[in-house]
Amino acid sequence: MQKRDPNFILADASARCNATFSLPVSTDDAFDLCAAALVYLPGFYAQKSSKAELQIDGITGGAGMGYLAFGSPGERITVSIKSRGPSQSEAFVESKLGTLFIVLDYGKNRENFNTISKRINE
């Protein structure tokens, strides 16, 4: 088991990871691709998933669930899809802290973000 090295920070809600991905598929296919990528996140729960609105809002860990998971306050993950033509889409993915304040950051939101990025780009 690999130990995580915590970064001692006074993080706030601005600690986040985000990126925009260009996808050579329709918005419906991009939505399905992103939804499939989120399945790989441990403890991911979709609070809102709307293909009509082309948006997925979800959480991992303790975010919004009334508890804090050991080692992670949880993350809020948002995916928004936009059309860039008949067979071209853009996916905006954001992972941010599930709470407003933490002292130790183990990099879990970066890890979750990297997992999503890897799965979308496969």
PDB file of N, CA and C in Angstrom:
ATOM      1  N   MET A   1       0.835  -1.179   0.000  1.00  0.00           N
ATOM      2  CA  MET A   1       0.000   0.000   0.000  1.00  0.00           C
ATOM      3  C   MET A   1       0.881   1.244   0.000  1.00  0.00           C
ATOM      4  N   GLN A   2       0.620   2.144  -0.913  1.00  0.00           N
ATOM      5  CA  GLN A   2       1.407   3.360  -1.022  1.00  0.00           C
ATOM      6  C   GLN A   2       0.825   4.444  -0.128  1.00  0.00           C
ATOM      7  N   LYS A   3       1.692   5.068   0.656  1.00  0.00           N
ATOM      8  CA  LYS A   3       1.244   6.153   1.522  1.00  0.00           C
ATOM      9  C   LYS A   3       1.195   7.446   0.714  1.00  0.00           C
ATOM     10  N   ARG A   4       0.174   8.243   0.977  1.00  0.00           N
ATOM     11  CA  ARG A   4       0.094   9.546   0.344  1.00  0.00           C
ATOM     12  C   ARG A   4       0.824  10.559   1.206  1.00  0.00           C
ATOM     13  N   ASP A   5       1.535  11.434   0.573  1.00  0.00           N
ATOM     14  CA  ASP A   5       2.247  12.484   1.285  1.00  0.00           C
ATOM     15  C   ASP A   5       1.364  13.727   1.288  1.00  0.00           C
ATOM     16  N   PRO A   6       0.855  14.105   2.475  1.00  0.00           N
ATOM     17  CA  PRO A   6      -0.040  15.261   2.488  1.00  0.00           C
ATOM     18  C   PRO A   6       0.712  16.568   2.270  1.00  0.00           C
ATOM     19  N   ASN A   7       0.056  17.484   1.609  1.00  0.00           N
ATOM     20  CA  ASN A   7       0.567  18.848   1.494  1.00  0.00           C
ATOM     21  C   ASN A   7      -0.140  19.645   2.573  1.00  0.00           C
ATOM     22  N   PHE A   8       0.608  20.280   3.431  1.00  0.00           N
ATOM     23  CA  PHE A   8      -0.032  21.073   4.484  1.00  0.00           C
ATOM     24  C   PHE A   8      -0.480  22.387   3.877  1.00  0.00           C
ATOM     25  N   ILE A   9      -1.777  22.537   3.754  1.00  0.00           N
ATOM     26  CA  ILE A   9      -2.318  23.761   3.187  1.00  0.00           C
ATOM     27  C   ILE A   9      -3.560  24.160   3.964  1.00  0.00           C
ATOM     28  N   LEU A  10      -3.877  25.400   3.875  1.00  0.00           N
ATOM     29  CA  LEU A  10      -5.161  25.868   4.360  1.00  0.00           C
ATOM     30  C   LEU A  10      -5.999  26.079   3.108  1.00  0.00           C
ATOM     31  N   ALA A  11      -6.610  25.022   2.646  1.00  0.00           N
ATOM     32  CA  ALA A  11      -7.347  25.056   1.390  1.00  0.00           C
ATOM     33  C   ALA A  11      -8.742  25.618   1.610  1.00  0.00           C
ATOM     34  N   ASP A  12      -9.286  26.148   0.568  1.00  0.00           N
ATOM     35  CA  ASP A  12     -10.662  26.622   0.615  1.00  0.00           C
ATOM     36  C   ASP A  12     -11.370  26.155  -0.653  1.00  0.00           C
ATOM     37  N   ALA A  13     -12.543  26.665  -0.890  1.00  0.00           N
ATOM     38  CA  ALA A  13     -13.340  26.214  -2.023  1.00  0.00           C
ATOM     39  C   ALA A  13     -12.688  26.530  -3.368  1.00  0.00           C
ATOM     40  N   SER A  14     -11.629  27.335  -3.375  1.00  0.00           N
ATOM     41  CA  SER A  14     -10.964  27.639  -4.641  1.00  0.00           C
ATOM     42  C   SER A  14      -9.991  26.533  -5.058  1.00  0.00           C
ATOM     43  N   ALA A  15      -9.715  25.556  -4.183  1.00  0.00           N
ATOM     44  CA  ALA A  15      -8.836  24.439  -4.528  1.00  0.00           C
ATOM     45  C   ALA A  15      -9.611  23.496  -5.440  1.00  0.00           C
ATOM     46  N   ARG A  16      -9.288  23.538  -6.732  1.00  0.00           N
ATOM     47  CA  ARG A  16     -10.041  22.749  -7.698  1.00  0.00           C
ATOM     48  C   ARG A  16      -9.167  22.387  -8.891  1.00  0.00           C
ATOM     49  N   CYS A  17      -9.633  21.410  -9.633  1.00  0.00           N
ATOM     50  CA  CYS A  17      -8.997  21.001 -10.879  1.00  0.00           C
ATOM     51  C   CYS A  17     -10.067  21.083 -11.955  1.00  0.00           C
ATOM     52  N   ASN A  18      -9.719  21.644 -13.107  1.00  0.00           N
ATOM     53  CA  ASN A  18     -10.688  21.669 -14.196  1.00  0.00           C
ATOM     54  C   ASN A  18      -9.980  21.715 -15.535  1.00  0.00           C
ATOM     55  N   ALA A  19     -10.698  21.271 -16.551  1.00  0.00           N
ATOM     56  CA  ALA A  19     -10.172  21.290 -17.912  1.00  0.00           C
ATOM     57  C   ALA A  19     -11.323  21.138 -18.888  1.00  0.00           C
ATOM     58  N   THR A  20     -11.060  21.539 -20.114  1.00  0.00           N
ATOM     59  CA  THR A  20     -12.023  21.372 -21.199  1.00  0.00           C
ATOM     60  C   THR A  20     -11.424  20.398 -22.199  1.00  0.00           C
ATOM     61  N   PHE A  21     -12.218  19.419 -22.596  1.00  0.00           N
ATOM     62  CA  PHE A  21     -11.782  18.394 -23.538  1.00  0.00           C
ATOM     63  C   PHE A  21     -12.565  18.523 -24.835  1.00  0.00           C
ATOM     64  N   SER A  22     -11.871  18.515 -25.962  1.00  0.00           N
ATOM     65  CA  SER A  22     -12.530  18.478 -27.271  1.00  0.00           C
ATOM     66  C   SER A  22     -12.718  17.019 -27.639  1.00  0.00           C
ATOM     67  N   LEU A  23     -13.938  16.672 -28.006  1.00  0.00           N
ATOM     68  CA  LEU A  23     -14.263  15.280 -28.330  1.00  0.00           C
ATOM     69  C   LEU A  23     -14.853  15.203 -29.739  1.00  0.00           C
ATOM     70  N   PRO A  24     -14.342  14.295 -30.568  1.00  0.00           N
ATOM     71  CA  PRO A  24     -14.829  14.182 -31.945  1.00  0.00           C
ATOM     72  C   PRO A  24     -16.089  13.315 -32.054  1.00  0.00           C
ATOM     73  N   VAL A  25     -17.061  13.591 -31.199  1.00  0.00           N
ATOM     74  CA  VAL A  25     -18.323  12.828 -31.179  1.00  0.00           C
ATOM     75  C   VAL A  25     -19.487  13.790 -30.932  1.00  0.00           C
ATOM     76  N   SER A  26     -20.704  13.315 -31.143  1.00  0.00           N
ATOM     77  CA  SER A  26     -21.892  14.125 -30.886  1.00  0.00           C
ATOM     78  C   SER A  26     -22.032  14.390 -29.380  1.00  0.00           C
ATOM     79  N   THR A  27     -22.892  15.333 -29.024  1.00  0.00           N
ATOM     80  CA  THR A  27     -23.079  15.648 -27.601  1.00  0.00           C
ATOM     81  C   THR A  27     -23.663  14.464 -26.835  1.00  0.00           C
ATOM     82  N   ASP A  28     -24.567  13.700 -27.462  1.00  0.00           N
ATOM     83  CA  ASP A  28     -25.123  12.519 -26.795  1.00  0.00           C
ATOM     84  C   ASP A  28     -24.036  11.494 -26.498  1.00  0.00           C
ATOM     85  N   ASP A  29     -23.152  11.265 -27.471  1.00  0.00           N
ATOM     86  CA  ASP A  29     -22.057  10.317 -27.267  1.00  0.00           C
ATOM     87  C   ASP A  29     -21.053  10.849 -26.243  1.00  0.00           C
ATOM     88  N   ALA A  30     -20.814  12.160 -26.256  1.00  0.00           N
ATOM     89  CA  ALA A  30     -19.901  12.763 -25.283  1.00  0.00           C
ATOM     90  C   ALA A  30     -20.463  12.620 -23.869  1.00  0.00           C
ATOM     91  N   PHE A  31     -21.766  12.816 -23.723  1.00  0.00           N
ATOM     92  CA  PHE A  31     -22.408  12.651 -22.413  1.00  0.00           C
ATOM     93  C   PHE A  31     -22.226  11.218 -21.918  1.00  0.00           C
ATOM     94  N   ASP A  32     -22.495  10.245 -22.797  1.00  0.00           N
ATOM     95  CA  ASP A  32     -22.337   8.831 -22.425  1.00  0.00           C
ATOM     96  C   ASP A  32     -20.890   8.505 -22.065  1.00  0.00           C
ATOM     97  N   LEU A  33     -19.952   9.055 -22.821  1.00  0.00           N
ATOM     98  CA  LEU A  33     -18.532   8.836 -22.564  1.00  0.00           C
ATOM     99  C   LEU A  33     -18.131   9.377 -21.199  1.00  0.00           C
ATOM    100  N   CYS A  34     -18.588  10.577 -20.870  1.00  0.00           N
ATOM    101  CA  CYS A  34     -18.264  11.190 -19.577  1.00  0.00           C
ATOM    102  C   CYS A  34     -18.933  10.443 -18.430  1.00  0.00           C
ATOM    103  N   ALA A  35     -20.188  10.035 -18.621  1.00  0.00           N
ATOM    104  CA  ALA A  35     -20.895   9.270 -17.585  1.00  0.00           C
ATOM    105  C   ALA A  35     -20.165   7.957 -17.314  1.00  0.00           C
ATOM    106  N   ALA A  36     -19.674   7.315 -18.360  1.00  0.00           N
ATOM    107  CA  ALA A  36     -18.932   6.055 -18.199  1.00  0.00           C
ATOM    108  C   ALA A  36     -17.611   6.296 -17.478  1.00  0.00           C
ATOM    109  N   ALA A  37     -16.970   7.433 -17.717  1.00  0.00           N
ATOM    110  CA  ALA A  37     -15.698   7.751 -17.050  1.00  0.00           C
ATOM    111  C   ALA A  37     -15.900   7.952 -15.551  1.00  0.00           C
ATOM    112  N   LEU A  38     -17.028   8.523 -15.159  1.00  0.00           N
ATOM    113  CA  LEU A  38     -17.294   8.796 -13.745  1.00  0.00           C
ATOM    114  C   LEU A  38     -17.510   7.523 -12.927  1.00  0.00           C
ATOM    115  N   VAL A  39     -17.893   6.450 -13.579  1.00  0.00           N
ATOM    116  CA  VAL A  39     -18.111   5.169 -12.892  1.00  0.00           C
ATOM    117  C   VAL A  39     -16.819   4.677 -12.235  1.00  0.00           C
ATOM    118  N   TYR A  40     -15.678   5.074 -12.761  1.00  0.00           N
ATOM    119  CA  TYR A  40     -14.389   4.617 -12.255  1.00  0.00           C
ATOM    120  C   TYR A  40     -13.945   5.335 -10.983  1.00  0.00           C
ATOM    121  N   LEU A  41     -14.689   6.364 -10.566  1.00  0.00           N
ATOM    122  CA  LEU A  41     -14.327   7.073  -9.342  1.00  0.00           C
ATOM    123  C   LEU A  41     -14.876   6.337  -8.131  1.00  0.00           C
ATOM    124  N   PRO A  42     -14.039   6.029  -7.149  1.00  0.00           N
ATOM    125  CA  PRO A  42     -14.516   5.336  -5.953  1.00  0.00           C
ATOM    126  C   PRO A  42     -15.548   6.185  -5.210  1.00  0.00           C
ATOM    127  N   GLY A  43     -16.688   5.609  -4.933  1.00  0.00           N
ATOM    128  CA  GLY A  43     -17.717   6.286  -4.153  1.00  0.00           C
ATOM    129  C   GLY A  43     -18.453   7.390  -4.875  1.00  0.00           C
ATOM    130  N   PHE A  44     -18.376   7.426  -6.212  1.00  0.00           N
ATOM    131  CA  PHE A  44     -19.069   8.490  -6.944  1.00  0.00           C
ATOM    132  C   PHE A  44     -20.577   8.275  -6.905  1.00  0.00           C
ATOM    133  N   TYR A  45     -21.297   9.349  -6.646  1.00  0.00           N
ATOM    134  CA  TYR A  45     -22.754   9.336  -6.633  1.00  0.00           C
ATOM    135  C   TYR A  45     -23.241  10.531  -7.456  1.00  0.00           C
ATOM    136  N   ALA A  46     -24.005  10.268  -8.508  1.00  0.00           N
ATOM    137  CA  ALA A  46     -24.543  11.343  -9.350  1.00  0.00           C
ATOM    138  C   ALA A  46     -25.774  11.930  -8.676  1.00  0.00           C
ATOM    139  N   GLN A  47     -25.690  13.191  -8.281  1.00  0.00           N
ATOM    140  CA  GLN A  47     -26.832  13.866  -7.681  1.00  0.00           C
ATOM    141  C   GLN A  47     -27.803  14.337  -8.756  1.00  0.00           C
ATOM    142  N   LYS A  48     -27.251  14.704  -9.906  1.00  0.00           N
ATOM    143  CA  LYS A  48     -28.070  15.148 -11.031  1.00  0.00           C
ATOM    144  C   LYS A  48     -27.378  14.705 -12.309  1.00  0.00           C
ATOM    145  N   SER A  49     -28.102  14.021 -13.157  1.00  0.00           N
ATOM    146  CA  SER A  49     -27.567  13.584 -14.430  1.00  0.00           C
ATOM    147  C   SER A  49     -28.647  13.809 -15.474  1.00  0.00           C
ATOM    148  N   SER A  50     -28.440  14.799 -16.328  1.00  0.00           N
ATOM    149  CA  SER A  50     -29.461  15.163 -17.300  1.00  0.00           C
ATOM    150  C   SER A  50     -28.876  15.198 -18.705  1.00  0.00           C
ATOM    151  N   LYS A  51     -29.270  14.233 -19.517  1.00  0.00           N
ATOM    152  CA  LYS A  51     -28.815  14.215 -20.901  1.00  0.00           C
ATOM    153  C   LYS A  51     -29.427  15.381 -21.677  1.00  0.00           C
ATOM    154  N   ALA A  52     -30.638  15.783 -21.310  1.00  0.00           N
ATOM    155  CA  ALA A  52     -31.295  16.912 -21.973  1.00  0.00           C
ATOM    156  C   ALA A  52     -30.525  18.211 -21.713  1.00  0.00           C
ATOM    157  N   GLU A  53     -30.018  18.379 -20.486  1.00  0.00           N
ATOM    158  CA  GLU A  53     -29.248  19.579 -20.131  1.00  0.00           C
ATOM    159  C   GLU A  53     -27.757  19.397 -20.381  1.00  0.00           C
ATOM    160  N   LEU A  54     -27.351  18.182 -20.743  1.00  0.00           N
ATOM    161  CA  LEU A  54     -25.954  17.842 -20.996  1.00  0.00           C
ATOM    162  C   LEU A  54     -25.060  18.192 -19.806  1.00  0.00           C
ATOM    163  N   GLN A  55     -25.517  17.783 -18.619  1.00  0.00           N
ATOM    164  CA  GLN A  55     -24.754  18.071 -17.396  1.00  0.00           C
ATOM    165  C   GLN A  55     -24.881  16.927 -16.394  1.00  0.00           C
ATOM    166  N   ILE A  56     -23.766  16.668 -15.703  1.00  0.00           N
ATOM    167  CA  ILE A  56     -23.730  15.686 -14.622  1.00  0.00           C
ATOM    168  C   ILE A  56     -23.120  16.375 -13.407  1.00  0.00           C
ATOM    169  N   ASP A  57     -23.819  16.335 -12.290  1.00  0.00           N
ATOM    170  CA  ASP A  57     -23.318  16.857 -11.022  1.00  0.00           C
ATOM    171  C   ASP A  57     -23.287  15.700 -10.038  1.00  0.00           C
ATOM    172  N   GLY A  58     -22.148  15.494  -9.398  1.00  0.00           N
ATOM    173  CA  GLY A  58     -22.055  14.392  -8.451  1.00  0.00           C
ATOM    174  C   GLY A  58     -21.045  14.656  -7.360  1.00  0.00           C
ATOM    175  N   ILE A  59     -20.936  13.692  -6.463  1.00  0.00           N
ATOM    176  CA  ILE A  59     -20.042  13.799  -5.319  1.00  0.00           C
ATOM    177  C   ILE A  59     -19.298  12.488  -5.113  1.00  0.00           C
ATOM    178  N   THR A  60     -18.177  12.595  -4.424  1.00  0.00           N
ATOM    179  CA  THR A  60     -17.453  11.410  -3.956  1.00  0.00           C
ATOM    180  C   THR A  60     -17.163  11.614  -2.482  1.00  0.00           C
ATOM    181  N   GLY A  61     -16.828  10.555  -1.800  1.00  0.00           N
ATOM    182  CA  GLY A  61     -16.477  10.667  -0.384  1.00  0.00           C
ATOM    183  C   GLY A  61     -17.613  11.224   0.441  1.00  0.00           C
ATOM    184  N   GLY A  62     -17.292  12.076   1.384  1.00  0.00           N
ATOM    185  CA  GLY A  62     -18.295  12.597   2.304  1.00  0.00           C
ATOM    186  C   GLY A  62     -18.976  13.867   1.855  1.00  0.00           C
ATOM    187  N   ALA A  63     -18.629  14.387   0.692  1.00  0.00           N
ATOM    188  CA  ALA A  63     -19.159  15.678   0.241  1.00  0.00           C
ATOM    189  C   ALA A  63     -20.683  15.698   0.225  1.00  0.00           C
ATOM    190  N   GLY A  64     -21.251  16.554   1.034  1.00  0.00           N
ATOM    191  CA  GLY A  64     -22.698  16.730   1.021  1.00  0.00           C
ATOM    192  C   GLY A  64     -23.487  15.595   1.635  1.00  0.00           C
ATOM    193  N   MET A  65     -22.820  14.600   2.194  1.00  0.00           N
ATOM    194  CA  MET A  65     -23.510  13.422   2.707  1.00  0.00           C
ATOM    195  C   MET A  65     -23.659  13.471   4.237  1.00  0.00           C
ATOM    196  N   GLY A  66     -23.204  14.544   4.859  1.00  0.00           N
ATOM    197  CA  GLY A  66     -23.352  14.668   6.307  1.00  0.00           C
ATOM    198  C   GLY A  66     -22.234  14.023   7.112  1.00  0.00           C
ATOM    199  N   TYR A  67     -21.168  13.593   6.463  1.00  0.00           N
ATOM    200  CA  TYR A  67     -20.032  13.024   7.171  1.00  0.00           C
ATOM    201  C   TYR A  67     -18.767  13.320   6.380  1.00  0.00           C
ATOM    202  N   LEU A  68     -17.622  13.150   7.000  1.00  0.00           N
ATOM    203  CA  LEU A  68     -16.348  13.294   6.318  1.00  0.00           C
ATOM    204  C   LEU A  68     -15.682  11.933   6.255  1.00  0.00           C
ATOM    205  N   ALA A  69     -15.257  11.549   5.069  1.00  0.00           N
ATOM    206  CA  ALA A  69     -14.537  10.297   4.912  1.00  0.00           C
ATOM    207  C   ALA A  69     -13.120  10.488   5.434  1.00  0.00           C
ATOM    208  N   PHE A  70     -12.540   9.442   6.033  1.00  0.00           N
ATOM    209  CA  PHE A  70     -11.183   9.537   6.548  1.00  0.00           C
ATOM    210  C   PHE A  70     -10.233   9.866   5.401  1.00  0.00           C
ATOM    211  N   GLY A  71      -9.466  10.897   5.549  1.00  0.00           N
ATOM    212  CA  GLY A  71      -8.481  11.249   4.540  1.00  0.00           C
ATOM    213  C   GLY A  71      -9.015  12.085   3.394  1.00  0.00           C
ATOM    214  N   SER A  72     -10.310  12.309   3.338  1.00  0.00           N
ATOM    215  CA  SER A  72     -10.862  13.104   2.249  1.00  0.00           C
ATOM    216  C   SER A  72     -12.200  13.699   2.660  1.00  0.00           C
ATOM    217  N   PRO A  73     -12.356  15.000   2.452  1.00  0.00           N
ATOM    218  CA  PRO A  73     -13.649  15.602   2.741  1.00  0.00           C
ATOM    219  C   PRO A  73     -14.638  15.372   1.607  1.00  0.00           C
ATOM    220  N   GLY A  74     -14.191  14.694   0.571  1.00  0.00           N
ATOM    221  CA  GLY A  74     -15.039  14.458  -0.585  1.00  0.00           C
ATOM    222  C   GLY A  74     -14.884  15.553  -1.620  1.00  0.00           C
ATOM    223  N   GLU A  75     -15.374  15.284  -2.794  1.00  0.00           N
ATOM    224  CA  GLU A  75     -15.292  16.237  -3.889  1.00  0.00           C
ATOM    225  C   GLU A  75     -16.653  16.413  -4.533  1.00  0.00           C
ATOM    226  N   ARG A  76     -16.825  17.558  -5.131  1.00  0.00           N
ATOM    227  CA  ARG A  76     -17.987  17.828  -5.970  1.00  0.00           C
ATOM    228  C   ARG A  76     -17.466  17.838  -7.398  1.00  0.00           C
ATOM    229  N   ILE A  77     -18.079  17.016  -8.234  1.00  0.00           N
ATOM    230  CA  ILE A  77     -17.617  16.887  -9.614  1.00  0.00           C
ATOM    231  C   ILE A  77     -18.738  17.315 -10.544  1.00  0.00           C
ATOM    232  N   THR A  78     -18.381  18.188 -11.489  1.00  0.00           N
ATOM    233  CA  THR A  78     -19.342  18.688 -12.467  1.00  0.00           C
ATOM    234  C   THR A  78     -18.803  18.438 -13.867  1.00  0.00           C
ATOM    235  N   VAL A  79     -19.667  17.926 -14.732  1.00  0.00           N
ATOM    236  CA  VAL A  79     -19.330  17.741 -16.141  1.00  0.00           C
ATOM    237  C   VAL A  79     -20.406  18.439 -16.958  1.00  0.00           C
ATOM    238  N   SER A  80     -19.977  19.326 -17.852  1.00  0.00           N
ATOM    239  CA  SER A  80     -20.897  20.031 -18.748  1.00  0.00           C
ATOM    240  C   SER A  80     -20.463  19.794 -20.179  1.00  0.00           C
ATOM    241  N   ILE A  81     -21.405  19.474 -21.040  1.00  0.00           N
ATOM    242  CA  ILE A  81     -21.124  19.195 -22.448  1.00  0.00           C
ATOM    243  C   ILE A  81     -21.709  20.316 -23.309  1.00  0.00           C
ATOM    244  N   LYS A  82     -20.942  20.734 -24.320  1.00  0.00           N
ATOM    245  CA  LYS A  82     -21.422  21.718 -25.286  1.00  0.00           C
ATOM    246  C   LYS A  82     -21.154  21.208 -26.686  1.00  0.00           C
ATOM    247  N   SER A  83     -22.042  21.552 -27.596  1.00  0.00           N
ATOM    248  CA  SER A  83     -21.870  21.171 -28.992  1.00  0.00           C
ATOM    249  C   SER A  83     -20.935  22.149 -29.686  1.00  0.00           C
ATOM    250  N   ARG A  84     -20.068  21.610 -30.519  1.00  0.00           N
ATOM    251  CA  ARG A  84     -19.181  22.417 -31.352  1.00  0.00           C
ATOM    252  C   ARG A  84     -19.368  22.051 -32.819  1.00  0.00           C
ATOM    253  N   GLY A  85     -20.537  21.496 -33.142  1.00  0.00           N
ATOM    254  CA  GLY A  85     -20.845  21.068 -34.507  1.00  0.00           C
ATOM    255  C   GLY A  85     -21.546  19.728 -34.469  1.00  0.00           C
ATOM    256  N   PRO A  86     -21.926  19.202 -35.618  1.00  0.00           N
ATOM    257  CA  PRO A  86     -22.699  17.947 -35.649  1.00  0.00           C
ATOM    258  C   PRO A  86     -21.968  16.740 -35.062  1.00  0.00           C
ATOM    259  N   SER A  87     -20.663  16.697 -35.214  1.00  0.00           N
ATOM    260  CA  SER A  87     -19.916  15.560 -34.653  1.00  0.00           C
ATOM    261  C   SER A  87     -18.691  16.055 -33.882  1.00  0.00           C
ATOM    262  N   GLN A  88     -18.868  17.167 -33.186  1.00  0.00           N
ATOM    263  CA  GLN A  88     -17.788  17.721 -32.375  1.00  0.00           C
ATOM    264  C   GLN A  88     -18.390  18.284 -31.094  1.00  0.00           C
ATOM    265  N   SER A  89     -17.824  17.884 -29.951  1.00  0.00           N
ATOM    266  CA  SER A  89     -18.323  18.329 -28.648  1.00  0.00           C
ATOM    267  C   SER A  89     -17.179  18.827 -27.788  1.00  0.00           C
ATOM    268  N   GLU A  90     -17.571  19.491 -26.724  1.00  0.00           N
ATOM    269  CA  GLU A  90     -16.610  19.972 -25.746  1.00  0.00           C
ATOM    270  C   GLU A  90     -17.132  19.590 -24.367  1.00  0.00           C
ATOM    271  N   ALA A  91     -16.284  18.981 -23.556  1.00  0.00           N
ATOM    272  CA  ALA A  91     -16.665  18.585 -22.202  1.00  0.00           C
ATOM    273  C   ALA A  91     -15.836  19.386 -21.207  1.00  0.00           C
ATOM    274  N   PHE A  92     -16.516  20.117 -20.324  1.00  0.00           N
ATOM    275  CA  PHE A  92     -15.853  20.838 -19.245  1.00  0.00           C
ATOM    276  C   PHE A  92     -16.005  19.994 -17.992  1.00  0.00           C
ATOM    277  N   VAL A  93     -14.877  19.637 -17.373  1.00  0.00           N
ATOM    278  CA  VAL A  93     -14.873  18.791 -16.180  1.00  0.00           C
ATOM    279  C   VAL A  93     -14.215  19.571 -15.047  1.00  0.00           C
ATOM    280  N   GLU A  94     -14.883  19.561 -13.885  1.00  0.00           N
ATOM    281  CA  GLU A  94     -14.341  20.254 -12.717  1.00  0.00           C
ATOM    282  C   GLU A  94     -14.493  19.380 -11.481  1.00  0.00           C
ATOM    283  N   SER A  95     -13.428  19.313 -10.689  1.00  0.00           N
ATOM    284  CA  SER A  95     -13.454  18.627  -9.400  1.00  0.00           C
ATOM    285  C   SER A  95     -13.009  19.635  -8.358  1.00  0.00           C
ATOM    286  N   LYS A  96     -13.851  19.858  -7.355  1.00  0.00           N
ATOM    287  CA  LYS A  96     -13.490  20.799  -6.297  1.00  0.00           C
ATOM    288  C   LYS A  96     -13.820  20.193  -4.945  1.00  0.00           C
ATOM    289  N   LEU A  97     -13.270  20.785  -3.908  1.00  0.00           N
ATOM    290  CA  LEU A  97     -13.473  20.273  -2.558  1.00  0.00           C
ATOM    291  C   LEU A  97     -14.944  20.216  -2.195  1.00  0.00           C
ATOM    292  N   GLY A  98     -15.289  19.196  -1.424  1.00  0.00           N
ATOM    293  CA  GLY A  98     -16.668  19.041  -0.978  1.00  0.00           C
ATOM    294  C   GLY A  98     -17.010  19.895   0.222  1.00  0.00           C
ATOM    295  N   THR A  99     -16.006  20.448   0.863  1.00  0.00           N
ATOM    296  CA  THR A  99     -16.231  21.325   2.010  1.00  0.00           C
ATOM    297  C   THR A  99     -15.570  22.667   1.734  1.00  0.00           C
ATOM    298  N   LEU A 100     -15.859  23.639   2.526  1.00  0.00           N
ATOM    299  CA  LEU A 100     -15.287  24.961   2.321  1.00  0.00           C
ATOM    300  C   LEU A 100     -13.871  25.095   2.858  1.00  0.00           C
ATOM    301  N   PHE A 101     -13.452  24.174   3.751  1.00  0.00           N
ATOM    302  CA  PHE A 101     -12.162  24.361   4.401  1.00  0.00           C
ATOM    303  C   PHE A 101     -11.572  23.014   4.796  1.00  0.00           C
ATOM    304  N   ILE A 102     -10.306  22.810   4.485  1.00  0.00           N
ATOM    305  CA  ILE A 102      -9.567  21.643   4.980  1.00  0.00           C
ATOM    306  C   ILE A 102      -8.170  22.091   5.374  1.00  0.00           C
ATOM    307  N   VAL A 103      -7.502  21.284   6.183  1.00  0.00           N
ATOM    308  CA  VAL A 103      -6.131  21.597   6.588  1.00  0.00           C
ATOM    309  C   VAL A 103      -5.142  20.743   5.821  1.00  0.00           C
ATOM    310  N   LEU A 104      -5.407  19.453   5.683  1.00  0.00           N
ATOM    311  CA  LEU A 104      -4.517  18.563   4.944  1.00  0.00           C
ATOM    312  C   LEU A 104      -5.143  18.195   3.614  1.00  0.00           C
ATOM    313  N   ASP A 105      -4.370  18.371   2.567  1.00  0.00           N
ATOM    314  CA  ASP A 105      -4.849  18.007   1.240  1.00  0.00           C
ATOM    315  C   ASP A 105      -4.032  16.813   0.752  1.00  0.00           C
ATOM    316  N   TYR A 106      -4.690  15.673   0.593  1.00  0.00           N
ATOM    317  CA  TYR A 106      -4.007  14.468   0.125  1.00  0.00           C
ATOM    318  C   TYR A 106      -4.056  14.346  -1.387  1.00  0.00           C
ATOM    319  N   GLY A 107      -4.603  15.332  -2.072  1.00  0.00           N
ATOM    320  CA  GLY A 107      -4.621  15.317  -3.527  1.00  0.00           C
ATOM    321  C   GLY A 107      -5.668  14.420  -4.146  1.00  0.00           C
ATOM    322  N   LYS A 108      -6.699  14.069  -3.391  1.00  0.00           N
ATOM    323  CA  LYS A 108      -7.717  13.150  -3.913  1.00  0.00           C
ATOM    324  C   LYS A 108      -8.491  13.772  -5.072  1.00  0.00           C
ATOM    325  N   ASN A 109      -8.784  15.069  -5.019  1.00  0.00           N
ATOM    326  CA  ASN A 109      -9.522  15.647  -6.140  1.00  0.00           C
ATOM    327  C   ASN A 109      -8.662  15.661  -7.400  1.00  0.00           C
ATOM    328  N   ARG A 110      -7.349  15.850  -7.266  1.00  0.00           N
ATOM    329  CA  ARG A 110      -6.447  15.759  -8.427  1.00  0.00           C
ATOM    330  C   ARG A 110      -6.428  14.326  -8.967  1.00  0.00           C
ATOM    331  N   GLU A 111      -6.398  13.354  -8.058  1.00  0.00           N
ATOM    332  CA  GLU A 111      -6.408  11.951  -8.458  1.00  0.00           C
ATOM    333  C   GLU A 111      -7.710  11.602  -9.193  1.00  0.00           C
ATOM    334  N   ASN A 112      -8.838  12.038  -8.656  1.00  0.00           N
ATOM    335  CA  ASN A 112     -10.127  11.802  -9.320  1.00  0.00           C
ATOM    336  C   ASN A 112     -10.177  12.485 -10.675  1.00  0.00           C
ATOM    337  N   PHE A 113      -9.689  13.704 -10.734  1.00  0.00           N
ATOM    338  CA  PHE A 113      -9.668  14.441 -11.994  1.00  0.00           C
ATOM    339  C   PHE A 113      -8.811  13.719 -13.033  1.00  0.00           C
ATOM    340  N   ASN A 114      -7.643  13.223 -12.615  1.00  0.00           N
ATOM    341  CA  ASN A 114      -6.772  12.487 -13.538  1.00  0.00           C
ATOM    342  C   ASN A 114      -7.437  11.208 -14.038  1.00  0.00           C
ATOM    343  N   THR A 115      -8.204  10.534 -13.172  1.00  0.00           N
ATOM    344  CA  THR A 115      -8.927   9.328 -13.579  1.00  0.00           C
ATOM    345  C   THR A 115      -9.960   9.668 -14.645  1.00  0.00           C
ATOM    346  N   ILE A 116     -10.717  10.725 -14.439  1.00  0.00           N
ATOM    347  CA  ILE A 116     -11.722  11.145 -15.421  1.00  0.00           C
ATOM    348  C   ILE A 116     -11.046  11.495 -16.738  1.00  0.00           C
ATOM    349  N   SER A 117      -9.962  12.271 -16.681  1.00  0.00           N
ATOM    350  CA  SER A 117      -9.236  12.676 -17.886  1.00  0.00           C
ATOM    351  C   SER A 117      -8.751  11.474 -18.668  1.00  0.00           C
ATOM    352  N   LYS A 118      -8.182  10.508 -17.943  1.00  0.00           N
ATOM    353  CA  LYS A 118      -7.652   9.308 -18.595  1.00  0.00           C
ATOM    354  C   LYS A 118      -8.783   8.538 -19.288  1.00  0.00           C
ATOM    355  N   ARG A 119      -9.913   8.372 -18.623  1.00  0.00           N
ATOM    356  CA  ARG A 119     -11.019   7.604 -19.192  1.00  0.00           C
ATOM    357  C   ARG A 119     -11.679   8.318 -20.371  1.00  0.00           C
ATOM    358  N   ILE A 120     -11.768   9.629 -20.321  1.00  0.00           N
ATOM    359  CA  ILE A 120     -12.348  10.368 -21.442  1.00  0.00           C
ATOM    360  C   ILE A 120     -11.461  10.283 -22.669  1.00  0.00           C
ATOM    361  N   ASN A 121     -10.159  10.292 -22.453  1.00  0.00           N
ATOM    362  CA  ASN A 121      -9.212  10.291 -23.575  1.00  0.00           C
ATOM    363  C   ASN A 121      -8.876   8.905 -24.106  1.00  0.00           C
ATOM    364  N   GLU A 122      -9.484   7.867 -23.577  1.00  0.00           N
ATOM    365  CA  GLU A 122      -9.207   6.509 -24.065  1.00  0.00           C
ATOM    366  C   GLU A 122      -9.880   6.253 -25.392  1.00  0.00           C
TER     367      GLU A 122
END
